[in-house]
């Protein structure tokens, strides 16, 4: 029994059909792609698209025009906004309702966020650029805005920060004590009975140096140069002065003997 062979023309037709189907699905939007999922032949794909977009063309036109006019750029990137805007325009072209170029320019600029206000105002001044020329200008403006990473500091915040720094600086932590020892210091705020001449007389009566005073003698270790309060043997109970044994011996010799 001879084996059945497929018609070579059928194999060629299947290859061509798959190629045409790939071309169709590659050129339609994601929204339209959902209507042709599961369809095997290119002819069925074409008919499904025709049935979906040819019924009630006027209602479809109003729907797409409303979507185009109300389209707003939210927090999404600019390229997403441009892609969705172009997709709506392409759908209007598919039903033979192309959008005039001035309308596309106005609706595209109208959907931008307030931070593009200066750019939109400049673009709407005559001569208004075409839609094709507007896209690269808008993308370039968006890149320049993103490059401005460092913004100038708020003058109010800088002033508050400076005041806070001065408030907690060391020179403002404690007030300086009042003194009248500076040269040329005015004595107008001092007591009435204390005048400038008395001040100089009191200065002249004070010793000019500490060299004329005899050095202090420690009462603990009997050494010169410091006092008992500053002696390093002050709290040493085992410390004995060099003269202490001699003093004890003298006391012992001077004591009267028993029986005298």
Protein backbone atom coordinates (compact mmCIF):
# COMPACT_ATOMS: atom_id res chain seq x y z
CA UNK A 1 0.00 0.00 0.00
CA UNK A 2 1.49 3.27 -1.07
CA UNK A 3 1.95 6.02 1.56
CA UNK A 4 -0.07 9.18 1.15
CA UNK A 5 1.93 12.25 0.40
CA UNK A 6 0.89 15.80 1.20
CA UNK A 7 0.32 18.13 -1.67
CA UNK A 8 3.40 20.35 -2.06
CA UNK A 9 1.09 23.25 -2.80
CA UNK A 10 -0.61 22.75 0.57
CA UNK A 11 2.71 22.90 2.40
CA UNK A 12 3.60 26.10 0.58
CA UNK A 13 0.18 27.56 1.42
CA UNK A 14 0.55 26.71 5.12
CA UNK A 15 3.94 28.41 5.26
CA UNK A 16 2.56 31.50 3.53
CA UNK A 17 -0.50 31.57 5.80
CA UNK A 18 1.64 31.46 8.95
CA UNK A 19 3.78 34.27 7.57
CA UNK A 20 0.76 36.47 6.79
CA UNK A 21 -0.72 35.78 10.24
CA UNK A 22 2.56 36.82 11.86
CA UNK A 23 2.56 40.05 9.86
CA UNK A 24 -0.99 40.89 10.97
CA UNK A 25 -0.49 40.14 14.65
CA UNK A 26 2.79 42.09 14.70
CA UNK A 27 1.14 45.29 13.46
CA UNK A 28 -1.95 45.46 15.67
CA UNK A 29 -2.21 46.88 19.19
CA UNK A 30 -2.38 44.83 22.36
CA UNK A 31 -6.06 45.65 22.70
CA UNK A 32 -6.79 44.28 19.22
CA UNK A 33 -4.51 41.31 19.78
CA UNK A 34 -6.85 40.03 22.46
CA UNK A 35 -9.61 39.55 19.86
CA UNK A 36 -7.57 37.16 17.70
CA UNK A 37 -6.10 34.87 20.35
CA UNK A 38 -6.66 31.20 19.40
CA UNK A 39 -7.40 31.84 15.72
CA UNK A 40 -5.28 29.62 13.47
CA UNK A 41 -5.41 31.04 9.94
CA UNK A 42 -4.64 34.50 8.68
CA UNK A 43 -8.02 34.68 6.92
CA UNK A 44 -9.86 34.07 10.19
CA UNK A 45 -7.71 36.65 11.95
CA UNK A 46 -8.55 39.22 9.31
CA UNK A 47 -12.26 38.50 9.48
CA UNK A 48 -12.26 38.70 13.29
CA UNK A 49 -10.64 42.12 13.19
CA UNK A 50 -13.06 43.31 10.52
CA UNK A 51 -16.06 42.20 12.56
CA UNK A 52 -14.71 43.77 15.75
CA UNK A 53 -13.89 47.19 14.31
CA UNK A 54 -16.32 47.61 11.43
CA UNK A 55 -19.53 47.33 13.44
CA UNK A 56 -20.99 50.70 14.48
CA UNK A 57 -18.05 52.74 13.23
CA UNK A 58 -19.50 56.03 14.42
CA UNK A 59 -19.73 54.86 18.03
CA UNK A 60 -16.18 53.52 17.80
CA UNK A 61 -14.99 56.84 16.42
CA UNK A 62 -16.56 58.81 19.26
CA UNK A 63 -15.08 56.42 21.80
CA UNK A 64 -11.56 56.76 20.43
CA UNK A 65 -11.81 60.54 20.05
CA UNK A 66 -12.99 60.89 23.64
CA UNK A 67 -10.14 58.66 24.80
CA UNK A 68 -7.67 60.75 22.83
CA UNK A 69 -8.91 64.07 24.21
CA UNK A 70 -9.09 62.89 27.82
CA UNK A 71 -5.72 61.14 27.79
CA UNK A 72 -3.53 62.49 30.60
CA UNK A 73 0.07 61.82 31.48
CA UNK A 74 0.16 60.60 35.07
CA UNK A 75 3.23 59.30 36.88
CA UNK A 76 4.09 56.95 34.01
CA UNK A 77 7.19 57.67 31.91
CA UNK A 78 6.89 59.90 28.87
CA UNK A 79 7.48 57.12 26.36
CA UNK A 80 4.48 55.19 27.75
CA UNK A 81 2.27 58.25 27.32
CA UNK A 82 3.47 58.76 23.74
CA UNK A 83 2.99 55.09 22.88
CA UNK A 84 -0.59 55.00 24.16
CA UNK A 85 -1.42 58.27 22.40
CA UNK A 86 -0.10 56.98 19.07
CA UNK A 87 -1.96 53.69 19.51
CA UNK A 88 -5.28 55.54 19.77
CA UNK A 89 -4.46 57.57 16.67
CA UNK A 90 -3.62 54.37 14.80
CA UNK A 91 -6.96 52.85 15.76
CA UNK A 92 -8.73 55.88 14.32
CA UNK A 93 -6.71 55.51 11.14
CA UNK A 94 -7.74 51.85 10.97
CA UNK A 95 -11.43 52.80 10.77
CA UNK A 96 -10.62 55.48 8.19
CA UNK A 97 -11.06 58.35 10.64
CA UNK A 98 -7.59 59.90 10.75
CA UNK A 99 -6.91 62.65 13.28
CA UNK A 100 -5.83 66.01 11.80
CA UNK A 101 -2.26 66.96 12.65
CA UNK A 102 -3.12 70.20 14.57
CA UNK A 103 -5.59 68.26 16.72
CA UNK A 104 -2.98 65.67 17.61
CA UNK A 105 -0.52 68.39 18.62
CA UNK A 106 -3.06 70.19 20.80
CA UNK A 107 -4.41 67.05 22.48
CA UNK A 108 -0.92 65.70 23.12
CA UNK A 109 0.22 68.93 24.80
CA UNK A 110 -3.05 69.26 26.69
CA UNK A 111 -2.52 65.88 28.32
CA UNK A 112 0.89 66.74 29.78
CA UNK A 113 1.42 67.43 33.46
CA UNK A 114 1.67 71.00 34.88
CA UNK A 115 5.47 70.84 34.98
CA UNK A 116 5.38 70.90 31.14
CA UNK A 117 3.30 74.09 31.12
CA UNK A 118 6.10 76.35 29.88
CA UNK A 119 6.96 73.91 27.09
CA UNK A 120 3.31 73.56 26.01
CA UNK A 121 2.81 77.32 25.94
CA UNK A 122 5.90 77.81 23.78
CA UNK A 123 4.89 75.05 21.35
CA UNK A 124 1.36 76.42 20.83
CA UNK A 125 2.65 79.80 19.71
CA UNK A 126 2.71 80.26 15.92
CA UNK A 127 4.17 78.63 14.00
CA UNK A 128 2.92 75.46 15.68
CA UNK A 129 5.19 72.48 14.90
CA UNK A 130 3.83 69.35 13.30
CA UNK A 131 3.14 66.21 15.30
CA UNK A 132 6.23 64.52 13.86
CA UNK A 133 8.45 67.47 14.83
CA UNK A 134 6.85 67.85 18.27
CA UNK A 135 7.78 64.37 19.51
CA UNK A 136 11.61 64.82 19.52
CA UNK A 137 11.27 68.31 21.02
CA UNK A 138 9.16 66.95 23.85
CA UNK A 139 11.56 64.08 24.49
CA UNK A 140 14.53 66.47 24.58
CA UNK A 141 12.72 68.74 27.06
CA UNK A 142 11.95 65.76 29.28
CA UNK A 143 15.61 64.70 29.31
CA UNK A 144 16.72 68.20 30.32
CA UNK A 145 14.29 68.19 33.22
CA UNK A 146 15.58 64.83 34.43
CA UNK A 147 19.17 66.09 34.28
CA UNK A 148 18.40 68.83 36.82
CA UNK A 149 18.91 66.57 39.81
CA UNK A 150 20.19 69.21 42.27
CA UNK A 151 17.74 72.02 42.88
CA UNK A 152 18.66 75.27 44.68
CA UNK A 153 18.11 75.16 48.40
CA UNK A 154 15.09 76.88 49.88
CA UNK A 155 16.22 80.26 51.30
CA UNK A 156 13.78 79.92 54.21
CA UNK A 157 15.18 76.53 55.20
CA UNK A 158 18.74 77.83 54.92
CA UNK A 159 17.89 80.77 57.20
CA UNK A 160 16.29 78.50 59.81
CA UNK A 161 19.28 76.16 59.68
CA UNK A 162 21.68 79.05 60.19
CA UNK A 163 19.69 80.36 63.15
CA UNK A 164 19.62 76.88 64.71
CA UNK A 165 23.38 76.55 64.30
CA UNK A 166 24.02 79.89 65.96
CA UNK A 167 21.60 79.07 68.77
CA UNK A 168 23.43 75.88 69.75
CA UNK A 169 26.99 77.05 69.08
CA UNK A 170 29.39 77.03 72.08
CA UNK A 171 29.69 80.77 72.19
CA UNK A 172 25.98 81.10 73.00
CA UNK A 173 25.70 78.31 75.56
CA UNK A 174 26.62 80.40 78.60
CA UNK A 175 26.90 84.17 79.04
CA UNK A 176 30.30 85.67 79.75
CA UNK A 177 30.67 87.04 83.31
CA UNK A 178 30.72 90.80 83.72
CA UNK A 179 34.19 92.19 84.20
CA UNK A 180 35.70 95.65 84.24
CA UNK A 181 39.35 94.71 83.84
CA UNK A 182 39.64 95.46 80.12
CA UNK A 183 41.82 98.31 79.00
CA UNK A 184 39.74 101.36 78.20
CA UNK A 185 36.57 99.75 79.61
CA UNK A 186 33.91 102.31 80.41
CA UNK A 187 32.83 102.41 84.07
CA UNK A 188 29.48 104.09 83.44
CA UNK A 189 27.53 100.97 84.44
CA UNK A 190 29.52 100.34 87.69
CA UNK A 191 28.66 101.51 91.18
CA UNK A 192 28.60 105.31 91.68
CA UNK A 193 31.09 105.24 94.56
CA UNK A 194 33.71 103.41 92.47
CA UNK A 195 35.35 105.69 89.94
CA UNK A 196 38.12 105.24 87.41
CA UNK A 197 40.86 106.65 89.67
CA UNK A 198 40.01 104.33 92.54
CA UNK A 199 40.23 101.41 90.15
CA UNK A 200 43.80 102.31 89.10
CA UNK A 201 44.79 102.93 92.72
CA UNK A 202 43.58 99.50 93.70
CA UNK A 203 45.58 97.99 90.85
CA UNK A 204 48.73 99.83 91.90
CA UNK A 205 48.39 98.62 95.49
CA UNK A 206 48.34 94.94 94.42
CA UNK A 207 51.67 93.12 94.13
CA UNK A 208 52.89 92.94 90.54
CA UNK A 209 54.27 89.44 90.86
CA UNK A 210 54.10 86.41 93.07
CA UNK A 211 57.88 86.18 93.37
CA UNK A 212 57.98 88.46 96.47
CA UNK A 213 55.72 86.08 98.42
CA UNK A 214 57.51 83.27 100.30
CA UNK A 215 56.75 79.79 98.97
CA UNK A 216 54.13 77.93 100.96
CA UNK A 217 55.12 74.94 103.13
CA UNK A 218 53.00 71.81 103.25
CA UNK A 219 51.85 70.89 106.78
CA UNK A 220 51.77 67.18 105.88
CA UNK A 221 55.12 66.48 104.24
CA UNK A 222 56.85 69.76 105.25
CA UNK A 223 57.92 70.41 101.67
CA UNK A 224 57.80 73.74 99.91
CA UNK A 225 55.83 74.63 96.83
CA UNK A 226 52.35 73.36 97.74
CA UNK A 227 49.83 73.36 100.53
CA UNK A 228 48.32 70.54 102.60
CA UNK A 229 45.11 70.48 100.56
CA UNK A 230 47.14 69.71 97.43
CA UNK A 231 49.61 67.28 99.00
CA UNK A 232 49.80 63.82 97.44
CA UNK A 233 50.35 62.27 100.93
CA UNK A 234 47.18 63.80 102.32
CA UNK A 235 45.15 60.55 102.40
CA UNK A 236 48.12 58.19 102.91
CA UNK A 237 47.70 56.91 106.49
CA UNK A 238 51.02 55.01 106.40
CA UNK A 239 53.05 58.09 105.50
CA UNK A 240 55.34 59.54 108.20
CA UNK A 241 57.28 62.70 107.97
CA UNK A 242 61.08 62.49 108.34
CA UNK A 243 60.96 64.51 111.60
CA UNK A 244 58.22 62.39 113.17
CA UNK A 245 60.52 59.65 114.67
CA UNK A 246 62.83 62.30 116.20
CA UNK A 247 59.88 64.10 117.71
CA UNK A 248 58.58 60.89 119.27
CA UNK A 249 62.05 60.10 120.67
CA UNK A 250 62.29 63.55 122.26
CA UNK A 251 58.89 63.09 123.88
CA UNK A 252 60.01 59.72 125.29
CA UNK A 253 63.22 61.18 126.79
CA UNK A 254 61.42 64.07 128.41
CA UNK A 255 58.84 61.83 130.14
CA UNK A 256 59.53 61.49 133.93
CA UNK A 257 60.59 58.08 135.15
CA UNK A 258 58.41 56.13 137.48
CA UNK A 259 59.31 56.76 141.15
CA UNK A 260 60.85 60.17 140.70
